[in-house]
Amino acid sequence: MQQEKESNPIKRMAELLRQGATLTDLSCPACASPLFRLKDGTLWCAKDEKKVIVVREGEEPPKQAAPSNNAAYDKLEATLMAKIVDIQGKIEKTEDIDELQKLTVALSELLNSVEKIKKMKA
């Protein structure tokens, strides 16, 4: 059920509103979905789950995130991938249904986290 909630952009939009985000009159340049202004002022696309930066004509776009951020994301992604491999080994060995259910839930959460990291790096 939680995975269904995360995969539905309308539910993510509603959650942003509950958290205090503001619906703007802007739309995402990638998917045309409405943009939200988070409490910290960041523009956010709930459908793509990405930060959106508006650059007005004649302005310079902001510089990309520092390489150290990408290095941190890479390290975090590698750590999560190692955990995924560990859980895969445990899934192969276990015959306990309750343990199998716990492992698959943990695996699903790790995979979701890796996907989010990849989106943040893009």
PDB file of N, CA and C in Angstrom:
ATOM      1  N   MET A   1       0.822  -1.202   0.000  1.00  0.00           N
ATOM      2  CA  MET A   1       0.000   0.000   0.000  1.00  0.00           C
ATOM      3  C   MET A   1       0.862   1.261   0.000  1.00  0.00           C
ATOM      4  N   GLN A   2       1.974   1.240   0.765  1.00  0.00           N
ATOM      5  CA  GLN A   2       2.841   2.422   0.796  1.00  0.00           C
ATOM      6  C   GLN A   2       3.475   2.647  -0.568  1.00  0.00           C
ATOM      7  N   GLN A   3       3.830   1.557  -1.266  1.00  0.00           N
ATOM      8  CA  GLN A   3       4.422   1.709  -2.588  1.00  0.00           C
ATOM      9  C   GLN A   3       3.400   2.333  -3.535  1.00  0.00           C
ATOM     10  N   GLU A   4       2.124   1.945  -3.414  1.00  0.00           N
ATOM     11  CA  GLU A   4       1.071   2.531  -4.248  1.00  0.00           C
ATOM     12  C   GLU A   4       0.957   4.021  -3.979  1.00  0.00           C
ATOM     13  N   LYS A   5       1.057   4.424  -2.705  1.00  0.00           N
ATOM     14  CA  LYS A   5       0.969   5.838  -2.351  1.00  0.00           C
ATOM     15  C   LYS A   5       2.113   6.621  -2.994  1.00  0.00           C
ATOM     16  N   GLU A   6       3.331   6.044  -2.937  1.00  0.00           N
ATOM     17  CA  GLU A   6       4.486   6.739  -3.477  1.00  0.00           C
ATOM     18  C   GLU A   6       4.441   6.819  -4.988  1.00  0.00           C
ATOM     19  N   SER A   7       3.762   5.881  -5.653  1.00  0.00           N
ATOM     20  CA  SER A   7       3.744   5.877  -7.109  1.00  0.00           C
ATOM     21  C   SER A   7       2.629   6.753  -7.673  1.00  0.00           C
ATOM     22  N   ASN A   8       1.749   7.290  -6.842  1.00  0.00           N
ATOM     23  CA  ASN A   8       0.638   8.101  -7.309  1.00  0.00           C
ATOM     24  C   ASN A   8       0.964   9.587  -7.124  1.00  0.00           C
ATOM     25  N   PRO A   9       1.162  10.316  -8.250  1.00  0.00           N
ATOM     26  CA  PRO A   9       1.532  11.737  -8.128  1.00  0.00           C
ATOM     27  C   PRO A   9       0.475  12.578  -7.413  1.00  0.00           C
ATOM     28  N   ILE A  10      -0.789  12.270  -7.588  1.00  0.00           N
ATOM     29  CA  ILE A  10      -1.857  13.042  -6.920  1.00  0.00           C
ATOM     30  C   ILE A  10      -1.721  12.920  -5.404  1.00  0.00           C
ATOM     31  N   LYS A  11      -1.441  11.726  -4.934  1.00  0.00           N
ATOM     32  CA  LYS A  11      -1.276  11.538  -3.489  1.00  0.00           C
ATOM     33  C   LYS A  11      -0.032  12.255  -2.985  1.00  0.00           C
ATOM     34  N   ARG A  12       1.042  12.261  -3.792  1.00  0.00           N
ATOM     35  CA  ARG A  12       2.250  12.988  -3.394  1.00  0.00           C
ATOM     36  C   ARG A  12       1.963  14.487  -3.332  1.00  0.00           C
ATOM     37  N   MET A  13       1.160  14.989  -4.281  1.00  0.00           N
ATOM     38  CA  MET A  13       0.798  16.412  -4.283  1.00  0.00           C
ATOM     39  C   MET A  13      -0.007  16.758  -3.037  1.00  0.00           C
ATOM     40  N   ALA A  14      -0.958  15.901  -2.702  1.00  0.00           N
ATOM     41  CA  ALA A  14      -1.762  16.137  -1.500  1.00  0.00           C
ATOM     42  C   ALA A  14      -0.885  16.133  -0.253  1.00  0.00           C
ATOM     43  N   GLU A  15       0.087  15.227  -0.215  1.00  0.00           N
ATOM     44  CA  GLU A  15       0.988  15.164   0.937  1.00  0.00           C
ATOM     45  C   GLU A  15       1.831  16.435   1.038  1.00  0.00           C
ATOM     46  N   LEU A  16       2.282  16.955  -0.099  1.00  0.00           N
ATOM     47  CA  LEU A  16       3.035  18.216  -0.084  1.00  0.00           C
ATOM     48  C   LEU A  16       2.186  19.343   0.489  1.00  0.00           C
ATOM     49  N   LEU A  17       0.924  19.408   0.081  1.00  0.00           N
ATOM     50  CA  LEU A  17       0.032  20.447   0.602  1.00  0.00           C
ATOM     51  C   LEU A  17      -0.160  20.294   2.105  1.00  0.00           C
ATOM     52  N   ARG A  18      -0.318  19.048   2.563  1.00  0.00           N
ATOM     53  CA  ARG A  18      -0.467  18.812   4.014  1.00  0.00           C
ATOM     54  C   ARG A  18       0.780  19.244   4.777  1.00  0.00           C
ATOM     55  N   GLN A  19       1.941  19.150   4.124  1.00  0.00           N
ATOM     56  CA  GLN A  19       3.192  19.521   4.776  1.00  0.00           C
ATOM     57  C   GLN A  19       3.460  21.023   4.704  1.00  0.00           C
ATOM     58  N   GLY A  20       2.561  21.785   4.081  1.00  0.00           N
ATOM     59  CA  GLY A  20       2.711  23.233   4.051  1.00  0.00           C
ATOM     60  C   GLY A  20       3.247  23.797   2.751  1.00  0.00           C
ATOM     61  N   ALA A  21       3.421  22.970   1.729  1.00  0.00           N
ATOM     62  CA  ALA A  21       3.872  23.480   0.435  1.00  0.00           C
ATOM     63  C   ALA A  21       2.740  24.271  -0.213  1.00  0.00           C
ATOM     64  N   THR A  22       3.103  25.154  -1.141  1.00  0.00           N
ATOM     65  CA  THR A  22       2.131  25.998  -1.833  1.00  0.00           C
ATOM     66  C   THR A  22       2.077  25.615  -3.306  1.00  0.00           C
ATOM     67  N   LEU A  23       0.881  25.472  -3.841  1.00  0.00           N
ATOM     68  CA  LEU A  23       0.695  25.214  -5.260  1.00  0.00           C
ATOM     69  C   LEU A  23       0.948  26.518  -6.010  1.00  0.00           C
ATOM     70  N   THR A  24       1.790  26.464  -7.042  1.00  0.00           N
ATOM     71  CA  THR A  24       2.120  27.673  -7.799  1.00  0.00           C
ATOM     72  C   THR A  24       1.393  27.664  -9.143  1.00  0.00           C
ATOM     73  N   ASP A  25       1.516  28.755  -9.879  1.00  0.00           N
ATOM     74  CA  ASP A  25       0.927  28.824 -11.216  1.00  0.00           C
ATOM     75  C   ASP A  25       1.916  28.364 -12.286  1.00  0.00           C
ATOM     76  N   LEU A  26       3.045  27.813 -11.857  1.00  0.00           N
ATOM     77  CA  LEU A  26       4.076  27.332 -12.775  1.00  0.00           C
ATOM     78  C   LEU A  26       3.884  25.845 -13.045  1.00  0.00           C
ATOM     79  N   SER A  27       4.393  25.400 -14.194  1.00  0.00           N
ATOM     80  CA  SER A  27       4.330  23.974 -14.494  1.00  0.00           C
ATOM     81  C   SER A  27       5.731  23.447 -14.791  1.00  0.00           C
ATOM     82  N   CYS A  28       5.903  22.164 -14.591  1.00  0.00           N
ATOM     83  CA  CYS A  28       7.190  21.511 -14.798  1.00  0.00           C
ATOM     84  C   CYS A  28       7.533  21.527 -16.287  1.00  0.00           C
ATOM     85  N   PRO A  29       8.746  21.935 -16.643  1.00  0.00           N
ATOM     86  CA  PRO A  29       9.125  21.946 -18.049  1.00  0.00           C
ATOM     87  C   PRO A  29       9.273  20.538 -18.634  1.00  0.00           C
ATOM     88  N   ALA A  30       9.441  19.537 -17.790  1.00  0.00           N
ATOM     89  CA  ALA A  30       9.628  18.169 -18.275  1.00  0.00           C
ATOM     90  C   ALA A  30       8.306  17.423 -18.462  1.00  0.00           C
ATOM     91  N   CYS A  31       7.359  17.620 -17.524  1.00  0.00           N
ATOM     92  CA  CYS A  31       6.125  16.814 -17.577  1.00  0.00           C
ATOM     93  C   CYS A  31       4.846  17.648 -17.559  1.00  0.00           C
ATOM     94  N   ALA A  32       4.953  18.959 -17.441  1.00  0.00           N
ATOM     95  CA  ALA A  32       3.825  19.895 -17.409  1.00  0.00           C
ATOM     96  C   ALA A  32       2.954  19.765 -16.157  1.00  0.00           C
ATOM     97  N   SER A  33       3.413  19.050 -15.160  1.00  0.00           N
ATOM     98  CA  SER A  33       2.696  18.921 -13.894  1.00  0.00           C
ATOM     99  C   SER A  33       2.835  20.227 -13.111  1.00  0.00           C
ATOM    100  N   PRO A  34       1.857  20.587 -12.270  1.00  0.00           N
ATOM    101  CA  PRO A  34       1.979  21.819 -11.484  1.00  0.00           C
ATOM    102  C   PRO A  34       3.154  21.738 -10.504  1.00  0.00           C
ATOM    103  N   LEU A  35       3.781  22.883 -10.290  1.00  0.00           N
ATOM    104  CA  LEU A  35       4.917  22.947  -9.366  1.00  0.00           C
ATOM    105  C   LEU A  35       4.463  23.446  -7.999  1.00  0.00           C
ATOM    106  N   PHE A  36       5.167  22.987  -6.973  1.00  0.00           N
ATOM    107  CA  PHE A  36       4.890  23.377  -5.605  1.00  0.00           C
ATOM    108  C   PHE A  36       6.088  24.129  -5.055  1.00  0.00           C
ATOM    109  N   ARG A  37       5.809  25.141  -4.217  1.00  0.00           N
ATOM    110  CA  ARG A  37       6.884  25.850  -3.528  1.00  0.00           C
ATOM    111  C   ARG A  37       6.924  25.294  -2.114  1.00  0.00           C
ATOM    112  N   LEU A  38       8.048  24.653  -1.770  1.00  0.00           N
ATOM    113  CA  LEU A  38       8.219  24.087  -0.439  1.00  0.00           C
ATOM    114  C   LEU A  38       8.468  25.202   0.570  1.00  0.00           C
ATOM    115  N   LYS A  39       8.400  24.876   1.833  1.00  0.00           N
ATOM    116  CA  LYS A  39       8.585  25.873   2.883  1.00  0.00           C
ATOM    117  C   LYS A  39       9.936  26.574   2.799  1.00  0.00           C
ATOM    118  N   ASP A  40      10.948  25.865   2.283  1.00  0.00           N
ATOM    119  CA  ASP A  40      12.282  26.477   2.167  1.00  0.00           C
ATOM    120  C   ASP A  40      12.444  27.298   0.895  1.00  0.00           C
ATOM    121  N   GLY A  41      11.361  27.416   0.090  1.00  0.00           N
ATOM    122  CA  GLY A  41      11.394  28.221  -1.121  1.00  0.00           C
ATOM    123  C   GLY A  41      11.724  27.446  -2.386  1.00  0.00           C
ATOM    124  N   THR A  42      12.068  26.184  -2.259  1.00  0.00           N
ATOM    125  CA  THR A  42      12.415  25.348  -3.400  1.00  0.00           C
ATOM    126  C   THR A  42      11.178  25.048  -4.237  1.00  0.00           C
ATOM    127  N   LEU A  43      11.318  25.128  -5.558  1.00  0.00           N
ATOM    128  CA  LEU A  43      10.247  24.681  -6.449  1.00  0.00           C
ATOM    129  C   LEU A  43      10.389  23.180  -6.645  1.00  0.00           C
ATOM    130  N   TRP A  44       9.276  22.440  -6.558  1.00  0.00           N
ATOM    131  CA  TRP A  44       9.317  20.979  -6.572  1.00  0.00           C
ATOM    132  C   TRP A  44       8.245  20.412  -7.495  1.00  0.00           C
ATOM    133  N   CYS A  45       8.631  19.450  -8.319  1.00  0.00           N
ATOM    134  CA  CYS A  45       7.675  18.718  -9.148  1.00  0.00           C
ATOM    135  C   CYS A  45       7.341  17.414  -8.434  1.00  0.00           C
ATOM    136  N   ALA A  46       6.089  17.264  -8.021  1.00  0.00           N
ATOM    137  CA  ALA A  46       5.682  16.067  -7.287  1.00  0.00           C
ATOM    138  C   ALA A  46       5.631  14.843  -8.190  1.00  0.00           C
ATOM    139  N   LYS A  47       5.331  15.045  -9.450  1.00  0.00           N
ATOM    140  CA  LYS A  47       5.250  13.906 -10.372  1.00  0.00           C
ATOM    141  C   LYS A  47       6.635  13.328 -10.639  1.00  0.00           C
ATOM    142  N   ASP A  48       7.603  14.182 -10.943  1.00  0.00           N
ATOM    143  CA  ASP A  48       8.962  13.725 -11.234  1.00  0.00           C
ATOM    144  C   ASP A  48       9.811  13.551  -9.978  1.00  0.00           C
ATOM    145  N   GLU A  49       9.320  14.080  -8.854  1.00  0.00           N
ATOM    146  CA  GLU A  49      10.042  14.082  -7.583  1.00  0.00           C
ATOM    147  C   GLU A  49      11.423  14.716  -7.742  1.00  0.00           C
ATOM    148  N   LYS A  50      11.431  15.905  -8.369  1.00  0.00           N
ATOM    149  CA  LYS A  50      12.678  16.622  -8.606  1.00  0.00           C
ATOM    150  C   LYS A  50      12.518  18.099  -8.293  1.00  0.00           C
ATOM    151  N   LYS A  51      13.625  18.701  -7.918  1.00  0.00           N
ATOM    152  CA  LYS A  51      13.702  20.137  -7.728  1.00  0.00           C
ATOM    153  C   LYS A  51      13.708  20.793  -9.110  1.00  0.00           C
ATOM    154  N   VAL A  52      13.023  21.927  -9.236  1.00  0.00           N
ATOM    155  CA  VAL A  52      12.975  22.662 -10.497  1.00  0.00           C
ATOM    156  C   VAL A  52      13.581  24.042 -10.263  1.00  0.00           C
ATOM    157  N   ILE A  53      14.467  24.439 -11.169  1.00  0.00           N
ATOM    158  CA  ILE A  53      15.108  25.749 -11.070  1.00  0.00           C
ATOM    159  C   ILE A  53      14.612  26.602 -12.223  1.00  0.00           C
ATOM    160  N   VAL A  54      14.079  27.778 -11.905  1.00  0.00           N
ATOM    161  CA  VAL A  54      13.577  28.698 -12.924  1.00  0.00           C
ATOM    162  C   VAL A  54      14.690  29.685 -13.261  1.00  0.00           C
ATOM    163  N   VAL A  55      14.988  29.787 -14.555  1.00  0.00           N
ATOM    164  CA  VAL A  55      15.998  30.729 -15.029  1.00  0.00           C
ATOM    165  C   VAL A  55      15.296  31.693 -15.981  1.00  0.00           C
ATOM    166  N   ARG A  56      15.282  32.942 -15.642  1.00  0.00           N
ATOM    167  CA  ARG A  56      14.640  33.947 -16.467  1.00  0.00           C
ATOM    168  C   ARG A  56      15.557  34.334 -17.630  1.00  0.00           C
ATOM    169  N   GLU A  57      14.967  34.820 -18.692  1.00  0.00           N
ATOM    170  CA  GLU A  57      15.739  35.212 -19.863  1.00  0.00           C
ATOM    171  C   GLU A  57      16.761  36.270 -19.476  1.00  0.00           C
ATOM    172  N   GLY A  58      17.996  36.070 -19.910  1.00  0.00           N
ATOM    173  CA  GLY A  58      19.072  37.003 -19.607  1.00  0.00           C
ATOM    174  C   GLY A  58      19.812  36.677 -18.324  1.00  0.00           C
ATOM    175  N   GLU A  59      19.306  35.756 -17.514  1.00  0.00           N
ATOM    176  CA  GLU A  59      19.981  35.373 -16.275  1.00  0.00           C
ATOM    177  C   GLU A  59      20.878  34.164 -16.531  1.00  0.00           C
ATOM    178  N   GLU A  60      21.887  34.046 -15.705  1.00  0.00           N
ATOM    179  CA  GLU A  60      22.765  32.878 -15.767  1.00  0.00           C
ATOM    180  C   GLU A  60      22.163  31.768 -14.909  1.00  0.00           C
ATOM    181  N   PRO A  61      22.168  30.524 -15.407  1.00  0.00           N
ATOM    182  CA  PRO A  61      21.686  29.425 -14.564  1.00  0.00           C
ATOM    183  C   PRO A  61      22.628  29.207 -13.393  1.00  0.00           C
ATOM    184  N   PRO A  62      22.088  28.775 -12.250  1.00  0.00           N
ATOM    185  CA  PRO A  62      22.957  28.523 -11.099  1.00  0.00           C
ATOM    186  C   PRO A  62      23.921  27.382 -11.408  1.00  0.00           C
ATOM    187  N   LYS A  63      25.047  27.409 -10.745  1.00  0.00           N
ATOM    188  CA  LYS A  63      26.048  26.361 -10.944  1.00  0.00           C
ATOM    189  C   LYS A  63      25.523  25.045 -10.400  1.00  0.00           C
ATOM    190  N   GLN A  64      26.009  23.948 -10.987  1.00  0.00           N
ATOM    191  CA  GLN A  64      25.632  22.610 -10.541  1.00  0.00           C
ATOM    192  C   GLN A  64      26.116  22.386  -9.111  1.00  0.00           C
ATOM    193  N   ALA A  65      25.510  21.387  -8.473  1.00  0.00           N
ATOM    194  CA  ALA A  65      25.917  21.048  -7.113  1.00  0.00           C
ATOM    195  C   ALA A  65      27.403  20.696  -7.094  1.00  0.00           C
ATOM    196  N   ALA A  66      28.009  20.976  -5.991  1.00  0.00           N
ATOM    197  CA  ALA A  66      29.436  20.697  -5.847  1.00  0.00           C
ATOM    198  C   ALA A  66      29.707  19.214  -6.056  1.00  0.00           C
ATOM    199  N   PRO A  67      30.843  18.876  -6.644  1.00  0.00           N
ATOM    200  CA  PRO A  67      31.166  17.469  -6.872  1.00  0.00           C
ATOM    201  C   PRO A  67      31.136  16.636  -5.601  1.00  0.00           C
ATOM    202  N   SER A  68      31.414  17.270  -4.464  1.00  0.00           N
ATOM    203  CA  SER A  68      31.389  16.519  -3.205  1.00  0.00           C
ATOM    204  C   SER A  68      29.996  15.959  -2.923  1.00  0.00           C
ATOM    205  N   ASN A  69      28.926  16.688  -3.357  1.00  0.00           N
ATOM    206  CA  ASN A  69      27.575  16.162  -3.184  1.00  0.00           C
ATOM    207  C   ASN A  69      27.390  14.897  -4.008  1.00  0.00           C
ATOM    208  N   ASN A  70      27.857  14.921  -5.267  1.00  0.00           N
ATOM    209  CA  ASN A  70      27.743  13.731  -6.100  1.00  0.00           C
ATOM    210  C   ASN A  70      28.551  12.593  -5.508  1.00  0.00           C
ATOM    211  N   ALA A  71      29.703  12.897  -4.944  1.00  0.00           N
ATOM    212  CA  ALA A  71      30.520  11.858  -4.318  1.00  0.00           C
ATOM    213  C   ALA A  71      29.777  11.254  -3.128  1.00  0.00           C
ATOM    214  N   ALA A  72      29.096  12.109  -2.368  1.00  0.00           N
ATOM    215  CA  ALA A  72      28.324  11.618  -1.225  1.00  0.00           C
ATOM    216  C   ALA A  72      27.172  10.738  -1.699  1.00  0.00           C
ATOM    217  N   TYR A  73      26.500  11.165  -2.772  1.00  0.00           N
ATOM    218  CA  TYR A  73      25.420  10.346  -3.333  1.00  0.00           C
ATOM    219  C   TYR A  73      25.954   9.010  -3.836  1.00  0.00           C
ATOM    220  N   ASP A  74      27.111   9.052  -4.495  1.00  0.00           N
ATOM    221  CA  ASP A  74      27.708   7.817  -5.006  1.00  0.00           C
ATOM    222  C   ASP A  74      28.035   6.860  -3.858  1.00  0.00           C
ATOM    223  N   LYS A  75      28.590   7.410  -2.788  1.00  0.00           N
ATOM    224  CA  LYS A  75      28.947   6.573  -1.638  1.00  0.00           C
ATOM    225  C   LYS A  75      27.698   5.986  -0.989  1.00  0.00           C
ATOM    226  N   LEU A  76      26.667   6.802  -0.841  1.00  0.00           N
ATOM    227  CA  LEU A  76      25.414   6.322  -0.264  1.00  0.00           C
ATOM    228  C   LEU A  76      24.786   5.251  -1.141  1.00  0.00           C
ATOM    229  N   GLU A  77      24.797   5.477  -2.446  1.00  0.00           N
ATOM    230  CA  GLU A  77      24.240   4.493  -3.377  1.00  0.00           C
ATOM    231  C   GLU A  77      25.008   3.170  -3.289  1.00  0.00           C
ATOM    232  N   ALA A  78      26.331   3.232  -3.197  1.00  0.00           N
ATOM    233  CA  ALA A  78      27.142   2.016  -3.083  1.00  0.00           C
ATOM    234  C   ALA A  78      26.829   1.270  -1.785  1.00  0.00           C
ATOM    235  N   THR A  79      26.643   2.019  -0.703  1.00  0.00           N
ATOM    236  CA  THR A  79      26.308   1.401   0.582  1.00  0.00           C
ATOM    237  C   THR A  79      24.954   0.695   0.498  1.00  0.00           C
ATOM    238  N   LEU A  80      23.967   1.377  -0.091  1.00  0.00           N
ATOM    239  CA  LEU A  80      22.646   0.768  -0.221  1.00  0.00           C
ATOM    240  C   LEU A  80      22.686  -0.466  -1.118  1.00  0.00           C
ATOM    241  N   MET A  81      23.480  -0.412  -2.193  1.00  0.00           N
ATOM    242  CA  MET A  81      23.592  -1.571  -3.085  1.00  0.00           C
ATOM    243  C   MET A  81      24.220  -2.758  -2.356  1.00  0.00           C
ATOM    244  N   ALA A  82      25.180  -2.490  -1.486  1.00  0.00           N
ATOM    245  CA  ALA A  82      25.781  -3.572  -0.698  1.00  0.00           C
ATOM    246  C   ALA A  82      24.742  -4.195   0.232  1.00  0.00           C
ATOM    247  N   LYS A  83      23.893  -3.361   0.828  1.00  0.00           N
ATOM    248  CA  LYS A  83      22.823  -3.872   1.692  1.00  0.00           C
ATOM    249  C   LYS A  83      21.818  -4.703   0.887  1.00  0.00           C
ATOM    250  N   ILE A  84      21.545  -4.273  -0.336  1.00  0.00           N
ATOM    251  CA  ILE A  84      20.627  -5.017  -1.201  1.00  0.00           C
ATOM    252  C   ILE A  84      21.196  -6.412  -1.480  1.00  0.00           C
ATOM    253  N   VAL A  85      22.491  -6.488  -1.749  1.00  0.00           N
ATOM    254  CA  VAL A  85      23.135  -7.784  -1.993  1.00  0.00           C
ATOM    255  C   VAL A  85      23.053  -8.654  -0.733  1.00  0.00           C
ATOM    256  N   ASP A  86      23.282  -8.054   0.444  1.00  0.00           N
ATOM    257  CA  ASP A  86      23.172  -8.804   1.700  1.00  0.00           C
ATOM    258  C   ASP A  86      21.769  -9.378   1.877  1.00  0.00           C
ATOM    259  N   ILE A  87      20.768  -8.547   1.639  1.00  0.00           N
ATOM    260  CA  ILE A  87      19.381  -8.998   1.811  1.00  0.00           C
ATOM    261  C   ILE A  87      19.038 -10.075   0.796  1.00  0.00           C
ATOM    262  N   GLN A  88      19.544  -9.937  -0.421  1.00  0.00           N
ATOM    263  CA  GLN A  88      19.295 -10.953  -1.438  1.00  0.00           C
ATOM    264  C   GLN A  88      19.817 -12.309  -0.964  1.00  0.00           C
ATOM    265  N   GLY A  89      21.010 -12.326  -0.389  1.00  0.00           N
ATOM    266  CA  GLY A  89      21.573 -13.571   0.137  1.00  0.00           C
ATOM    267  C   GLY A  89      20.717 -14.153   1.244  1.00  0.00           C
ATOM    268  N   LYS A  90      20.206 -13.301   2.118  1.00  0.00           N
ATOM    269  CA  LYS A  90      19.349 -13.778   3.206  1.00  0.00           C
ATOM    270  C   LYS A  90      18.030 -14.318   2.668  1.00  0.00           C
ATOM    271  N   ILE A  91      17.486 -13.673   1.635  1.00  0.00           N
ATOM    272  CA  ILE A  91      16.225 -14.145   1.033  1.00  0.00           C
ATOM    273  C   ILE A  91      16.419 -15.541   0.448  1.00  0.00           C
ATOM    274  N   GLU A  92      17.558 -15.757  -0.200  1.00  0.00           N
ATOM    275  CA  GLU A  92      17.828 -17.065  -0.797  1.00  0.00           C
ATOM    276  C   GLU A  92      17.914 -18.170   0.250  1.00  0.00           C
ATOM    277  N   LYS A  93      18.418 -17.841   1.438  1.00  0.00           N
ATOM    278  CA  LYS A  93      18.657 -18.850   2.475  1.00  0.00           C
ATOM    279  C   LYS A  93      17.461 -19.105   3.381  1.00  0.00           C
ATOM    280  N   THR A  94      16.584 -18.124   3.547  1.00  0.00           N
ATOM    281  CA  THR A  94      15.524 -18.264   4.546  1.00  0.00           C
ATOM    282  C   THR A  94      14.363 -19.111   4.040  1.00  0.00           C
ATOM    283  N   GLU A  95      13.756 -19.818   4.985  1.00  0.00           N
ATOM    284  CA  GLU A  95      12.546 -20.583   4.682  1.00  0.00           C
ATOM    285  C   GLU A  95      11.405 -20.140   5.593  1.00  0.00           C
ATOM    286  N   ASP A  96      11.700 -19.201   6.488  1.00  0.00           N
ATOM    287  CA  ASP A  96      10.700 -18.660   7.412  1.00  0.00           C
ATOM    288  C   ASP A  96       9.904 -17.574   6.693  1.00  0.00           C
ATOM    289  N   ILE A  97       8.601 -17.760   6.598  1.00  0.00           N
ATOM    290  CA  ILE A  97       7.729 -16.832   5.867  1.00  0.00           C
ATOM    291  C   ILE A  97       7.757 -15.438   6.488  1.00  0.00           C
ATOM    292  N   ASP A  98       7.730 -15.354   7.810  1.00  0.00           N
ATOM    293  CA  ASP A  98       7.749 -14.034   8.464  1.00  0.00           C
ATOM    294  C   ASP A  98       9.058 -13.304   8.178  1.00  0.00           C
ATOM    295  N   GLU A  99      10.157 -14.033   8.240  1.00  0.00           N
ATOM    296  CA  GLU A  99      11.460 -13.440   7.944  1.00  0.00           C
ATOM    297  C   GLU A  99      11.525 -13.005   6.479  1.00  0.00           C
ATOM    298  N   LEU A 100      10.976 -13.820   5.596  1.00  0.00           N
ATOM    299  CA  LEU A 100      10.957 -13.500   4.168  1.00  0.00           C
ATOM    300  C   LEU A 100      10.170 -12.217   3.917  1.00  0.00           C
ATOM    301  N   GLN A 101       9.047 -12.056   4.604  1.00  0.00           N
ATOM    302  CA  GLN A 101       8.245 -10.852   4.442  1.00  0.00           C
ATOM    303  C   GLN A 101       9.025  -9.621   4.914  1.00  0.00           C
ATOM    304  N   LYS A 102       9.690  -9.718   6.053  1.00  0.00           N
ATOM    305  CA  LYS A 102      10.485  -8.592   6.563  1.00  0.00           C
ATOM    306  C   LYS A 102      11.605  -8.236   5.597  1.00  0.00           C
ATOM    307  N   LEU A 103      12.249  -9.247   5.048  1.00  0.00           N
ATOM    308  CA  LEU A 103      13.347  -9.002   4.115  1.00  0.00           C
ATOM    309  C   LEU A 103      12.867  -8.343   2.830  1.00  0.00           C
ATOM    310  N   THR A 104      11.722  -8.768   2.325  1.00  0.00           N
ATOM    311  CA  THR A 104      11.218  -8.173   1.078  1.00  0.00           C
ATOM    312  C   THR A 104      10.777  -6.733   1.292  1.00  0.00           C
ATOM    313  N   VAL A 105      10.226  -6.425   2.457  1.00  0.00           N
ATOM    314  CA  VAL A 105       9.865  -5.036   2.762  1.00  0.00           C
ATOM    315  C   VAL A 105      11.132  -4.179   2.832  1.00  0.00           C
ATOM    316  N   ALA A 106      12.151  -4.690   3.505  1.00  0.00           N
ATOM    317  CA  ALA A 106      13.412  -3.948   3.595  1.00  0.00           C
ATOM    318  C   ALA A 106      14.036  -3.776   2.213  1.00  0.00           C
ATOM    319  N   LEU A 107      13.987  -4.815   1.394  1.00  0.00           N
ATOM    320  CA  LEU A 107      14.529  -4.739   0.037  1.00  0.00           C
ATOM    321  C   LEU A 107      13.793  -3.684  -0.781  1.00  0.00           C
ATOM    322  N   SER A 108      12.485  -3.660  -0.669  1.00  0.00           N
ATOM    323  CA  SER A 108      11.680  -2.672  -1.400  1.00  0.00           C
ATOM    324  C   SER A 108      12.050  -1.249  -0.991  1.00  0.00           C
ATOM    325  N   GLU A 109      12.215  -1.003   0.295  1.00  0.00           N
ATOM    326  CA  GLU A 109      12.588   0.327   0.785  1.00  0.00           C
ATOM    327  C   GLU A 109      13.980   0.725   0.289  1.00  0.00           C
ATOM    328  N   LEU A 110      14.902  -0.227   0.301  1.00  0.00           N
ATOM    329  CA  LEU A 110      16.253   0.072  -0.192  1.00  0.00           C
ATOM    330  C   LEU A 110      16.229   0.409  -1.679  1.00  0.00           C
ATOM    331  N   LEU A 111      15.461  -0.347  -2.457  1.00  0.00           N
ATOM    332  CA  LEU A 111      15.366  -0.079  -3.889  1.00  0.00           C
ATOM    333  C   LEU A 111      14.744   1.289  -4.149  1.00  0.00           C
ATOM    334  N   ASN A 112      13.728   1.652  -3.377  1.00  0.00           N
ATOM    335  CA  ASN A 112      13.124   2.986  -3.507  1.00  0.00           C
ATOM    336  C   ASN A 112      14.146   4.075  -3.188  1.00  0.00           C
ATOM    337  N   SER A 113      14.964   3.846  -2.175  1.00  0.00           N
ATOM    338  CA  SER A 113      15.980   4.831  -1.799  1.00  0.00           C
ATOM    339  C   SER A 113      17.024   4.989  -2.902  1.00  0.00           C
ATOM    340  N   VAL A 114      17.444   3.882  -3.504  1.00  0.00           N
ATOM    341  CA  VAL A 114      18.418   3.950  -4.600  1.00  0.00           C
ATOM    342  C   VAL A 114      17.828   4.723  -5.765  1.00  0.00           C
ATOM    343  N   GLU A 115      16.558   4.468  -6.068  1.00  0.00           N
ATOM    344  CA  GLU A 115      15.896   5.190  -7.172  1.00  0.00           C
ATOM    345  C   GLU A 115      15.861   6.689  -6.898  1.00  0.00           C
ATOM    346  N   LYS A 116      15.566   7.078  -5.672  1.00  0.00           N
ATOM    347  CA  LYS A 116      15.525   8.499  -5.320  1.00  0.00           C
ATOM    348  C   LYS A 116      16.909   9.135  -5.425  1.00  0.00           C
ATOM    349  N   ILE A 117      17.930   8.414  -5.030  1.00  0.00           N
ATOM    350  CA  ILE A 117      19.302   8.935  -5.127  1.00  0.00           C
ATOM    351  C   ILE A 117      19.656   9.163  -6.596  1.00  0.00           C
ATOM    352  N   LYS A 118      19.281   8.223  -7.453  1.00  0.00           N
ATOM    353  CA  LYS A 118      19.579   8.370  -8.877  1.00  0.00           C
ATOM    354  C   LYS A 118      18.860   9.584  -9.449  1.00  0.00           C
ATOM    355  N   LYS A 119      17.638   9.841  -9.012  1.00  0.00           N
ATOM    356  CA  LYS A 119      16.903  11.032  -9.480  1.00  0.00           C
ATOM    357  C   LYS A 119      17.589  12.301  -8.988  1.00  0.00           C
ATOM    358  N   MET A 120      18.097  12.279  -7.785  1.00  0.00           N
ATOM    359  CA  MET A 120      18.750  13.469  -7.231  1.00  0.00           C
ATOM    360  C   MET A 120      20.056  13.743  -7.959  1.00  0.00           C
ATOM    361  N   LYS A 121      20.725  12.708  -8.413  1.00  0.00           N
ATOM    362  CA  LYS A 121      21.984  12.877  -9.122  1.00  0.00           C
ATOM    363  C   LYS A 121      21.770  13.360 -10.554  1.00  0.00           C
ATOM    364  N   ALA A 122      20.589  13.092 -11.096  1.00  0.00           N
ATOM    365  CA  ALA A 122      20.315  13.451 -12.496  1.00  0.00           C
ATOM    366  C   ALA A 122      20.171  14.943 -12.685  1.00  0.00           C
TER     367      ALA A 122
END
